[in-house]
């Protein structure tokens, strides 16, 4: 198989595209969650403390 045929076959193959897209979406969501975490940490901590106090 020549290099040109191999390069054309590689270019036409899109089977792994979906997995890469899902990985990028998961990375962006995780980054956004970690970026917003400091803003919600005190309220979440107070919520857990009140739940533990109620139990």
C-alpha atoms as a PDB file:
ATOM      1  CA  UNK A   1       0.000   0.000   0.000  1.00  0.00           C
ATOM      2  CA  UNK A   2       1.454   3.324  -0.981  1.00  0.00           C
ATOM      3  CA  UNK A   3       1.767   6.274   1.377  1.00  0.00           C
ATOM      4  CA  UNK A   4      -0.712   8.283  -0.679  1.00  0.00           C
ATOM      5  CA  UNK A   5      -3.417   5.608  -0.381  1.00  0.00           C
ATOM      6  CA  UNK A   6      -2.739   5.286   3.340  1.00  0.00           C
ATOM      7  CA  UNK A   7      -2.980   9.062   3.823  1.00  0.00           C
ATOM      8  CA  UNK A   8      -6.274   9.202   1.906  1.00  0.00           C
ATOM      9  CA  UNK A   9      -7.705   6.335   3.943  1.00  0.00           C
ATOM     10  CA  UNK A  10      -6.629   8.017   7.172  1.00  0.00           C
ATOM     11  CA  UNK A  11      -8.230  11.297   6.089  1.00  0.00           C
ATOM     12  CA  UNK A  12     -11.523   9.580   5.231  1.00  0.00           C
ATOM     13  CA  UNK A  13     -11.696   7.653   8.529  1.00  0.00           C
ATOM     14  CA  UNK A  14     -13.966   9.474  10.993  1.00  0.00           C
ATOM     15  CA  UNK A  15     -14.695   6.656  13.450  1.00  0.00           C
ATOM     16  CA  UNK A  16     -12.847   8.209  16.395  1.00  0.00           C
ATOM     17  CA  UNK A  17     -14.232  11.701  15.951  1.00  0.00           C
ATOM     18  CA  UNK A  18     -17.181  11.247  18.302  1.00  0.00           C
ATOM     19  CA  UNK A  19     -15.026   9.985  21.163  1.00  0.00           C
ATOM     20  CA  UNK A  20     -12.708  12.978  20.834  1.00  0.00           C
ATOM     21  CA  UNK A  21     -15.644  15.384  20.817  1.00  0.00           C
ATOM     22  CA  UNK A  22     -17.106  13.821  23.964  1.00  0.00           C
ATOM     23  CA  UNK A  23     -13.722  14.009  25.681  1.00  0.00           C
ATOM     24  CA  UNK A  24     -13.418  17.714  24.846  1.00  0.00           C
ATOM     25  CA  UNK A  25     -16.937  18.384  26.160  1.00  0.00           C
ATOM     26  CA  UNK A  26     -16.176  16.501  29.388  1.00  0.00           C
ATOM     27  CA  UNK A  27     -12.940  18.461  29.838  1.00  0.00           C
ATOM     28  CA  UNK A  28     -14.710  21.809  29.351  1.00  0.00           C
ATOM     29  CA  UNK A  29     -17.459  20.858  31.805  1.00  0.00           C
ATOM     30  CA  UNK A  30     -14.934  19.708  34.418  1.00  0.00           C
ATOM     31  CA  UNK A  31     -12.945  22.915  33.993  1.00  0.00           C
ATOM     32  CA  UNK A  32     -16.094  25.039  34.372  1.00  0.00           C
ATOM     33  CA  UNK A  33     -17.085  23.124  37.502  1.00  0.00           C
ATOM     34  CA  UNK A  34     -13.657  23.598  39.053  1.00  0.00           C
ATOM     35  CA  UNK A  35     -13.658  27.278  38.120  1.00  0.00           C
ATOM     36  CA  UNK A  36     -17.041  27.838  39.847  1.00  0.00           C
ATOM     37  CA  UNK A  37     -16.288  25.705  42.894  1.00  0.00           C
ATOM     38  CA  UNK A  38     -14.810  28.500  45.064  1.00  0.00           C
ATOM     39  CA  UNK A  39     -17.996  30.547  44.686  1.00  0.00           C
ATOM     40  CA  UNK A  40     -20.225  27.742  45.978  1.00  0.00           C
ATOM     41  CA  UNK A  41     -17.982  26.053  48.534  1.00  0.00           C
ATOM     42  CA  UNK A  42     -19.202  27.993  51.576  1.00  0.00           C
ATOM     43  CA  UNK A  43     -22.895  27.500  50.792  1.00  0.00           C
ATOM     44  CA  UNK A  44     -22.444  23.799  50.084  1.00  0.00           C
ATOM     45  CA  UNK A  45     -20.464  23.404  53.309  1.00  0.00           C
ATOM     46  CA  UNK A  46     -23.230  25.118  55.268  1.00  0.00           C
ATOM     47  CA  UNK A  47     -25.829  22.881  53.616  1.00  0.00           C
ATOM     48  CA  UNK A  48     -23.964  19.715  54.599  1.00  0.00           C
ATOM     49  CA  UNK A  49     -23.446  21.033  58.130  1.00  0.00           C
ATOM     50  CA  UNK A  50     -27.163  21.677  58.515  1.00  0.00           C
ATOM     51  CA  UNK A  51     -28.003  18.202  57.191  1.00  0.00           C
ATOM     52  CA  UNK A  52     -25.546  16.581  59.595  1.00  0.00           C
ATOM     53  CA  UNK A  53     -26.943  18.690  62.436  1.00  0.00           C
ATOM     54  CA  UNK A  54     -30.486  17.590  61.597  1.00  0.00           C
ATOM     55  CA  UNK A  55     -29.512  13.933  61.693  1.00  0.00           C
END
